[in-house]
Structure formats: C-alpha cells, structure tokens
Amino acid sequence: MVDCCIRFITDNAYVQTAIHGTAFCDSAMNSFYMGIRNVKLFSATNTIGFIMGLLGKGQIVAFTAWLCLVIT
C-alpha cells in the first residue's frame, strides 16, 4: 500500500518537475497536495482507466480467438 502511494507521488513529482521546473522535493509536495485536493478526480480516472484496460484486453483475446477460428 505504501509502496504504491510512494510510486504514484514519485511519478507525479517527475511530471511536476518537468512542467514547472521546480526542485524534486517541492514537486513531490505539490503533487501530493494536488492528489489530496482532487481525490475524486484521481479515483474516477483510475477506475475508468482500469475498465478501459479490461475492455482492451478482452477485445484482444476475442479477436485472437476469432482469428484462430477463421484460420483453422
């Protein structure tokens, strides 16, 4: 759980550093507070991304199975 949070903050800190050009620690603090302020938005985006990932994987499996049936 903690590892996931640290990885999330670190990734967002790198993005904040690239966008604003601030130091890494300042960017990590800003990204943490941004995540706290926008919890609903982050969770909604995460949920939609998870659902889209599942749909994409399902489509790949279905297409591959269909293609194998057509070829044989």
C-alpha atoms as a PDB file:
ATOM      1  CA  MET A   1       0.000   0.000   0.000  1.00  0.00           C
ATOM      2  CA  VAL A   2       2.714   2.476   0.967  1.00  0.00           C
ATOM      3  CA  ASP A   3       4.874   1.429  -1.985  1.00  0.00           C
ATOM      4  CA  CYS A   4       2.003   2.154  -4.368  1.00  0.00           C
ATOM      5  CA  CYS A   5       1.499   5.621  -2.876  1.00  0.00           C
ATOM      6  CA  ILE A   6       5.208   6.441  -2.996  1.00  0.00           C
ATOM      7  CA  ARG A   7       5.444   5.296  -6.614  1.00  0.00           C
ATOM      8  CA  PHE A   8       2.391   7.412  -7.514  1.00  0.00           C
ATOM      9  CA  ILE A   9       3.828  10.505  -5.818  1.00  0.00           C
ATOM     10  CA  THR A  10       7.242   9.954  -7.392  1.00  0.00           C
ATOM     11  CA  ASP A  11       5.818   9.634 -10.907  1.00  0.00           C
ATOM     12  CA  ASN A  12       3.737  12.766 -10.446  1.00  0.00           C
ATOM     13  CA  ALA A  13       6.699  14.586  -8.920  1.00  0.00           C
ATOM     14  CA  TYR A  14       8.721  13.915 -12.075  1.00  0.00           C
ATOM     15  CA  VAL A  15       5.847  15.290 -14.152  1.00  0.00           C
ATOM     16  CA  GLN A  16       5.592  18.386 -11.939  1.00  0.00           C
ATOM     17  CA  THR A  17       9.356  18.880 -12.197  1.00  0.00           C
ATOM     18  CA  ALA A  18       9.239  18.670 -15.986  1.00  0.00           C
ATOM     19  CA  ILE A  19       6.295  21.044 -16.297  1.00  0.00           C
ATOM     20  CA  HIS A  20       7.203  23.703 -13.734  1.00  0.00           C
ATOM     21  CA  GLY A  21      10.980  23.273 -13.471  1.00  0.00           C
ATOM     22  CA  THR A  22      10.932  23.181  -9.662  1.00  0.00           C
ATOM     23  CA  ALA A  23      13.064  21.019  -7.395  1.00  0.00           C
ATOM     24  CA  PHE A  24      12.068  17.381  -6.920  1.00  0.00           C
ATOM     25  CA  CYS A  25      11.064  17.758  -3.260  1.00  0.00           C
ATOM     26  CA  ASP A  26       8.911  20.808  -3.999  1.00  0.00           C
ATOM     27  CA  SER A  27       7.347  18.978  -6.915  1.00  0.00           C
ATOM     28  CA  ALA A  28       6.680  15.907  -4.755  1.00  0.00           C
ATOM     29  CA  MET A  29       4.967  18.082  -2.157  1.00  0.00           C
ATOM     30  CA  ASN A  30       2.906  19.852  -4.837  1.00  0.00           C
ATOM     31  CA  SER A  31       1.891  16.572  -6.470  1.00  0.00           C
ATOM     32  CA  PHE A  32       0.907  15.107  -3.086  1.00  0.00           C
ATOM     33  CA  TYR A  33      -1.311  18.086  -2.285  1.00  0.00           C
ATOM     34  CA  MET A  34      -2.746  18.018  -5.787  1.00  0.00           C
ATOM     35  CA  GLY A  35      -3.688  14.375  -5.249  1.00  0.00           C
ATOM     36  CA  ILE A  36      -5.285  15.186  -1.890  1.00  0.00           C
ATOM     37  CA  ARG A  37      -7.303  18.069  -3.358  1.00  0.00           C
ATOM     38  CA  ASN A  38      -8.521  16.015  -6.320  1.00  0.00           C
ATOM     39  CA  VAL A  39      -9.198  12.600  -4.791  1.00  0.00           C
ATOM     40  CA  LYS A  40     -12.498  12.159  -6.644  1.00  0.00           C
ATOM     41  CA  LEU A  41     -10.978  13.055  -9.992  1.00  0.00           C
ATOM     42  CA  PHE A  42      -7.992  10.746  -9.499  1.00  0.00           C
ATOM     43  CA  SER A  43     -10.145   7.825  -8.385  1.00  0.00           C
ATOM     44  CA  ALA A  44     -12.593   8.339 -11.270  1.00  0.00           C
ATOM     45  CA  THR A  45      -9.739   8.485 -13.769  1.00  0.00           C
ATOM     46  CA  ASN A  46      -8.139   5.405 -12.244  1.00  0.00           C
ATOM     47  CA  THR A  47     -11.421   3.480 -12.376  1.00  0.00           C
ATOM     48  CA  ILE A  48     -12.105   4.448 -15.984  1.00  0.00           C
ATOM     49  CA  GLY A  49      -8.544   3.510 -16.943  1.00  0.00           C
ATOM     50  CA  PHE A  50      -8.929   0.127 -15.251  1.00  0.00           C
ATOM     51  CA  ILE A  51     -12.209  -0.562 -17.072  1.00  0.00           C
ATOM     52  CA  MET A  52     -10.750   0.501 -20.422  1.00  0.00           C
ATOM     53  CA  GLY A  53      -7.734  -1.742 -19.823  1.00  0.00           C
ATOM     54  CA  LEU A  54     -10.006  -4.706 -19.141  1.00  0.00           C
ATOM     55  CA  LEU A  55     -12.082  -3.984 -22.245  1.00  0.00           C
ATOM     56  CA  GLY A  56      -8.946  -3.689 -24.360  1.00  0.00           C
ATOM     57  CA  LYS A  57      -7.538  -6.965 -23.066  1.00  0.00           C
ATOM     58  CA  GLY A  58     -10.886  -8.655 -23.651  1.00  0.00           C
ATOM     59  CA  GLN A  59     -11.018  -7.374 -27.214  1.00  0.00           C
ATOM     60  CA  ILE A  60      -7.502  -8.623 -27.916  1.00  0.00           C
ATOM     61  CA  VAL A  61      -8.367 -12.078 -26.573  1.00  0.00           C
ATOM     62  CA  ALA A  62     -11.644 -12.191 -28.509  1.00  0.00           C
ATOM     63  CA  PHE A  63     -10.022 -11.051 -31.754  1.00  0.00           C
ATOM     64  CA  THR A  64      -7.203 -13.573 -31.388  1.00  0.00           C
ATOM     65  CA  ALA A  65      -9.679 -16.413 -30.716  1.00  0.00           C
ATOM     66  CA  TRP A  66     -11.807 -15.344 -33.694  1.00  0.00           C
ATOM     67  CA  LEU A  67      -8.728 -15.144 -35.921  1.00  0.00           C
ATOM     68  CA  CYS A  68      -7.640 -18.642 -34.873  1.00  0.00           C
ATOM     69  CA  LEU A  69     -11.123 -19.980 -35.687  1.00  0.00           C
ATOM     70  CA  VAL A  70     -11.072 -18.298 -39.101  1.00  0.00           C
ATOM     71  CA  ILE A  71      -7.602 -19.564 -39.978  1.00  0.00           C
ATOM     72  CA  THR A  72      -8.242 -23.201 -39.000  1.00  0.00           C
END
